[in-house]
């Protein structure tokens, strides 16, 4: 399936469990005195605490972890999950990331 299908299903399931879920959340980029509105997009933000980046690949690369950490930096959120639905098992596809805890 496409990442967008996993995103919709996961957002639905999390919402059914009473969590607040926002999808495709614009992330502004700040560089010195420059602000780029919506320079990035977070796949999911759950309860304003956890940023979730979704992939559907045979395997993730270091760039995917850096992408998620960058999103955490710009949003100020402390916890990130990189979920790869293309991994052999979901357990293998979960990477937990923490920024400034």
N, C-alpha and C. Protein backbone atom coordinates (compact mmCIF):
# COMPACT_ATOMS: atom_id res chain seq x y z
N UNK A 1 0.84 -1.19 0.00
CA UNK A 1 0.00 0.00 0.00
C UNK A 1 0.88 1.24 0.00
N UNK A 2 0.28 2.33 -0.37
CA UNK A 2 0.97 3.61 -0.33
C UNK A 2 1.00 4.15 1.10
N UNK A 3 1.99 5.02 1.35
CA UNK A 3 2.09 5.63 2.68
C UNK A 3 0.80 6.33 3.07
N UNK A 4 0.14 6.96 2.11
CA UNK A 4 -1.09 7.70 2.41
C UNK A 4 -2.19 6.78 2.95
N UNK A 5 -2.24 5.54 2.48
CA UNK A 5 -3.23 4.58 2.98
C UNK A 5 -2.91 4.19 4.42
N UNK A 6 -1.62 3.93 4.70
CA UNK A 6 -1.22 3.62 6.07
C UNK A 6 -1.50 4.81 6.99
N UNK A 7 -1.24 6.01 6.49
CA UNK A 7 -1.48 7.22 7.28
C UNK A 7 -2.95 7.34 7.66
N UNK A 8 -3.83 7.17 6.70
CA UNK A 8 -5.27 7.29 6.96
C UNK A 8 -5.74 6.22 7.95
N UNK A 9 -5.29 4.99 7.77
CA UNK A 9 -5.69 3.90 8.67
C UNK A 9 -5.17 4.12 10.09
N UNK A 10 -3.90 4.53 10.21
CA UNK A 10 -3.31 4.75 11.53
C UNK A 10 -3.99 5.93 12.23
N UNK A 11 -4.24 7.01 11.50
CA UNK A 11 -4.93 8.16 12.09
C UNK A 11 -6.32 7.75 12.57
N UNK A 12 -7.00 6.96 11.80
CA UNK A 12 -8.34 6.48 12.17
C UNK A 12 -8.28 5.66 13.46
N UNK A 13 -7.36 4.71 13.52
CA UNK A 13 -7.24 3.84 14.70
C UNK A 13 -6.85 4.61 15.95
N UNK A 14 -5.92 5.54 15.82
CA UNK A 14 -5.51 6.35 16.97
C UNK A 14 -6.66 7.22 17.45
N UNK A 15 -7.41 7.79 16.50
CA UNK A 15 -8.57 8.61 16.85
C UNK A 15 -9.64 7.79 17.57
N UNK A 16 -9.85 6.56 17.11
CA UNK A 16 -10.82 5.68 17.77
C UNK A 16 -10.43 5.39 19.21
N UNK A 17 -9.16 5.47 19.51
CA UNK A 17 -8.68 5.22 20.86
C UNK A 17 -8.63 6.49 21.71
N UNK A 18 -9.20 7.56 21.19
CA UNK A 18 -9.31 8.79 21.96
C UNK A 18 -8.12 9.73 21.88
N UNK A 19 -7.19 9.46 20.99
CA UNK A 19 -6.03 10.35 20.85
C UNK A 19 -6.32 11.44 19.84
N UNK A 20 -5.72 12.59 20.05
CA UNK A 20 -5.82 13.69 19.10
C UNK A 20 -4.77 13.48 18.01
N UNK A 21 -5.22 13.41 16.76
CA UNK A 21 -4.30 13.14 15.65
C UNK A 21 -4.48 14.20 14.57
N UNK A 22 -3.37 14.81 14.18
CA UNK A 22 -3.36 15.73 13.03
C UNK A 22 -2.52 15.11 11.95
N UNK A 23 -2.97 15.21 10.71
CA UNK A 23 -2.23 14.63 9.59
C UNK A 23 -1.72 15.72 8.65
N UNK A 24 -0.61 15.41 7.99
CA UNK A 24 0.01 16.32 7.02
C UNK A 24 0.11 17.74 7.59
N UNK A 25 0.75 17.82 8.75
CA UNK A 25 0.88 19.08 9.48
C UNK A 25 2.05 19.89 8.91
N UNK A 26 1.78 21.12 8.43
CA UNK A 26 2.87 21.95 7.91
C UNK A 26 3.85 22.30 9.03
N UNK A 27 5.13 22.23 8.70
CA UNK A 27 6.19 22.59 9.63
C UNK A 27 6.96 23.76 9.03
N UNK A 28 7.00 24.85 9.76
CA UNK A 28 7.75 26.01 9.29
C UNK A 28 9.24 25.82 9.52
N UNK A 29 10.03 26.37 8.64
CA UNK A 29 11.49 26.33 8.76
C UNK A 29 11.95 27.71 9.19
N UNK A 30 12.80 27.73 10.21
CA UNK A 30 13.38 28.98 10.66
C UNK A 30 14.89 28.92 10.47
N UNK A 31 15.40 29.92 9.76
CA UNK A 31 16.84 30.02 9.55
C UNK A 31 17.22 31.49 9.72
N UNK A 32 17.97 31.78 10.79
CA UNK A 32 18.31 33.14 11.14
C UNK A 32 17.03 33.97 11.18
N UNK A 33 16.90 35.02 10.36
CA UNK A 33 15.68 35.84 10.38
C UNK A 33 14.70 35.43 9.28
N UNK A 34 14.97 34.33 8.62
CA UNK A 34 14.10 33.83 7.54
C UNK A 34 13.13 32.79 8.07
N UNK A 35 11.88 32.91 7.69
CA UNK A 35 10.86 31.91 8.05
C UNK A 35 10.21 31.41 6.76
N UNK A 36 10.29 30.12 6.53
CA UNK A 36 9.66 29.50 5.36
C UNK A 36 8.44 28.74 5.87
N UNK A 37 7.27 29.25 5.55
CA UNK A 37 6.03 28.67 6.04
C UNK A 37 5.75 27.36 5.30
N UNK A 38 5.53 26.30 6.07
CA UNK A 38 5.19 25.01 5.49
C UNK A 38 6.31 24.37 4.69
N UNK A 39 7.54 24.60 5.11
CA UNK A 39 8.68 24.03 4.39
C UNK A 39 8.73 22.51 4.44
N UNK A 40 8.20 21.92 5.48
CA UNK A 40 8.10 20.47 5.63
C UNK A 40 6.67 20.12 6.00
N UNK A 41 6.37 18.82 5.97
CA UNK A 41 5.06 18.32 6.43
C UNK A 41 5.27 17.07 7.26
N UNK A 42 4.72 17.09 8.48
CA UNK A 42 4.76 15.90 9.33
C UNK A 42 3.59 15.01 8.94
N UNK A 43 3.85 13.72 8.81
CA UNK A 43 2.77 12.80 8.46
C UNK A 43 1.68 12.81 9.53
N UNK A 44 2.07 12.63 10.80
CA UNK A 44 1.12 12.64 11.91
C UNK A 44 1.73 13.33 13.11
N UNK A 45 0.91 14.05 13.84
CA UNK A 45 1.29 14.53 15.17
C UNK A 45 0.19 14.06 16.11
N UNK A 46 0.60 13.32 17.13
CA UNK A 46 -0.34 12.69 18.06
C UNK A 46 -0.26 13.37 19.42
N UNK A 47 -1.41 13.86 19.87
CA UNK A 47 -1.53 14.51 21.18
C UNK A 47 -0.50 15.61 21.42
N UNK A 48 -0.07 16.27 20.36
CA UNK A 48 0.91 17.35 20.46
C UNK A 48 2.18 16.94 21.20
N UNK A 49 2.49 15.63 21.17
CA UNK A 49 3.68 15.12 21.85
C UNK A 49 4.56 14.30 20.92
N UNK A 50 3.93 13.46 20.11
CA UNK A 50 4.66 12.50 19.27
C UNK A 50 4.49 12.84 17.80
N UNK A 51 5.61 12.96 17.11
CA UNK A 51 5.61 13.14 15.67
C UNK A 51 5.84 11.76 15.04
N UNK A 52 5.01 11.40 14.09
CA UNK A 52 5.12 10.10 13.44
C UNK A 52 5.42 10.30 11.96
N UNK A 53 6.52 9.74 11.51
CA UNK A 53 6.91 9.78 10.11
C UNK A 53 6.71 8.37 9.56
N UNK A 54 5.97 8.26 8.47
CA UNK A 54 5.63 6.96 7.89
C UNK A 54 6.41 6.69 6.62
N UNK A 55 6.81 5.45 6.46
CA UNK A 55 7.48 4.98 5.25
C UNK A 55 6.87 3.63 4.86
N UNK A 56 6.98 3.30 3.60
CA UNK A 56 6.57 1.99 3.10
C UNK A 56 7.67 1.53 2.14
N UNK A 57 8.83 1.23 2.71
CA UNK A 57 10.03 0.91 1.95
C UNK A 57 10.59 -0.45 2.38
N UNK A 58 11.40 -1.04 1.53
CA UNK A 58 12.05 -2.30 1.90
C UNK A 58 12.92 -2.11 3.14
N UNK A 59 13.48 -0.94 3.31
CA UNK A 59 14.30 -0.63 4.48
C UNK A 59 14.50 0.87 4.58
N UNK A 60 14.68 1.36 5.79
CA UNK A 60 14.94 2.79 5.96
C UNK A 60 16.44 3.04 5.88
N UNK A 61 16.77 4.26 5.61
CA UNK A 61 18.17 4.70 5.50
C UNK A 61 18.43 5.74 6.59
N UNK A 62 19.70 6.02 6.86
CA UNK A 62 20.01 7.06 7.85
C UNK A 62 19.34 8.40 7.56
N UNK A 63 19.12 8.71 6.29
CA UNK A 63 18.48 9.98 5.93
C UNK A 63 17.06 10.06 6.49
N UNK A 64 16.38 8.94 6.62
CA UNK A 64 15.02 8.95 7.16
C UNK A 64 15.02 9.28 8.66
N UNK A 65 16.01 8.80 9.38
CA UNK A 65 16.15 9.16 10.79
C UNK A 65 16.48 10.64 10.93
N UNK A 66 17.39 11.13 10.08
CA UNK A 66 17.75 12.56 10.13
C UNK A 66 16.54 13.43 9.79
N UNK A 67 15.73 12.99 8.84
CA UNK A 67 14.52 13.72 8.47
C UNK A 67 13.60 13.85 9.68
N UNK A 68 13.39 12.77 10.39
CA UNK A 68 12.50 12.77 11.55
C UNK A 68 13.05 13.66 12.66
N UNK A 69 14.35 13.56 12.93
CA UNK A 69 14.99 14.42 13.93
C UNK A 69 14.86 15.89 13.54
N UNK A 70 15.03 16.20 12.27
CA UNK A 70 14.88 17.57 11.79
C UNK A 70 13.47 18.07 12.05
N UNK A 71 12.47 17.25 11.79
CA UNK A 71 11.08 17.62 12.05
C UNK A 71 10.87 17.87 13.54
N UNK A 72 11.47 17.03 14.39
CA UNK A 72 11.36 17.23 15.83
C UNK A 72 11.97 18.57 16.24
N UNK A 73 13.13 18.88 15.69
CA UNK A 73 13.80 20.15 16.01
C UNK A 73 12.92 21.34 15.67
N UNK A 74 12.35 21.33 14.46
CA UNK A 74 11.56 22.48 14.01
C UNK A 74 10.21 22.58 14.70
N UNK A 75 9.64 21.46 15.15
CA UNK A 75 8.34 21.51 15.83
C UNK A 75 8.49 21.70 17.33
N UNK A 76 9.67 21.35 17.87
CA UNK A 76 9.87 21.41 19.31
C UNK A 76 9.27 20.21 20.04
N UNK A 77 8.79 19.23 19.29
CA UNK A 77 8.23 18.03 19.93
C UNK A 77 9.36 17.13 20.43
N UNK A 78 9.13 16.41 21.53
CA UNK A 78 10.21 15.63 22.13
C UNK A 78 10.38 14.21 21.58
N UNK A 79 9.32 13.63 21.03
CA UNK A 79 9.37 12.20 20.68
C UNK A 79 8.96 12.01 19.23
N UNK A 80 9.72 11.16 18.54
CA UNK A 80 9.39 10.83 17.16
C UNK A 80 9.37 9.32 16.95
N UNK A 81 8.49 8.89 16.09
CA UNK A 81 8.46 7.49 15.66
C UNK A 81 8.59 7.46 14.16
N UNK A 82 9.55 6.70 13.69
CA UNK A 82 9.70 6.43 12.27
C UNK A 82 9.14 5.03 12.06
N UNK A 83 8.00 4.94 11.38
CA UNK A 83 7.35 3.66 11.18
C UNK A 83 7.47 3.25 9.72
N UNK A 84 8.08 2.10 9.49
CA UNK A 84 8.24 1.59 8.13
C UNK A 84 7.35 0.37 7.94
N UNK A 85 6.27 0.55 7.20
CA UNK A 85 5.33 -0.53 6.95
C UNK A 85 5.84 -1.51 5.90
N UNK A 86 6.97 -1.21 5.28
CA UNK A 86 7.54 -2.12 4.30
C UNK A 86 8.53 -3.11 4.89
N UNK A 87 8.80 -3.00 6.18
CA UNK A 87 9.74 -3.92 6.85
C UNK A 87 9.12 -5.32 6.93
N UNK A 88 9.96 -6.34 7.07
CA UNK A 88 9.44 -7.71 7.15
C UNK A 88 8.40 -7.90 8.25
N UNK A 89 8.61 -7.28 9.41
CA UNK A 89 7.61 -7.27 10.48
C UNK A 89 7.51 -5.84 10.99
N UNK A 90 6.37 -5.51 11.58
CA UNK A 90 6.21 -4.15 12.10
C UNK A 90 7.22 -3.88 13.20
N UNK A 91 7.53 -4.89 13.99
CA UNK A 91 8.53 -4.73 15.05
C UNK A 91 9.86 -4.25 14.47
N UNK A 92 10.24 -4.78 13.31
CA UNK A 92 11.47 -4.37 12.64
C UNK A 92 11.37 -2.97 12.05
N UNK A 93 10.14 -2.50 11.84
CA UNK A 93 9.93 -1.22 11.17
C UNK A 93 9.76 -0.03 12.10
N UNK A 94 9.94 -0.24 13.40
CA UNK A 94 9.74 0.85 14.36
C UNK A 94 11.08 1.40 14.84
N UNK A 95 11.27 2.70 14.65
CA UNK A 95 12.45 3.38 15.18
C UNK A 95 11.97 4.52 16.07
N UNK A 96 12.38 4.48 17.34
CA UNK A 96 12.00 5.53 18.28
C UNK A 96 13.13 6.57 18.35
N UNK A 97 12.74 7.82 18.30
CA UNK A 97 13.71 8.92 18.33
C UNK A 97 13.29 9.93 19.38
N UNK A 98 14.27 10.48 20.07
CA UNK A 98 14.02 11.47 21.12
C UNK A 98 14.84 12.69 20.84
N UNK A 99 14.23 13.86 21.06
CA UNK A 99 14.95 15.12 20.87
C UNK A 99 14.72 15.99 22.10
N UNK A 100 15.79 16.32 22.79
CA UNK A 100 15.78 17.23 23.94
C UNK A 100 14.84 16.81 25.06
N UNK A 101 15.01 15.65 25.56
CA UNK A 101 14.23 15.25 26.75
C UNK A 101 15.08 15.39 27.98
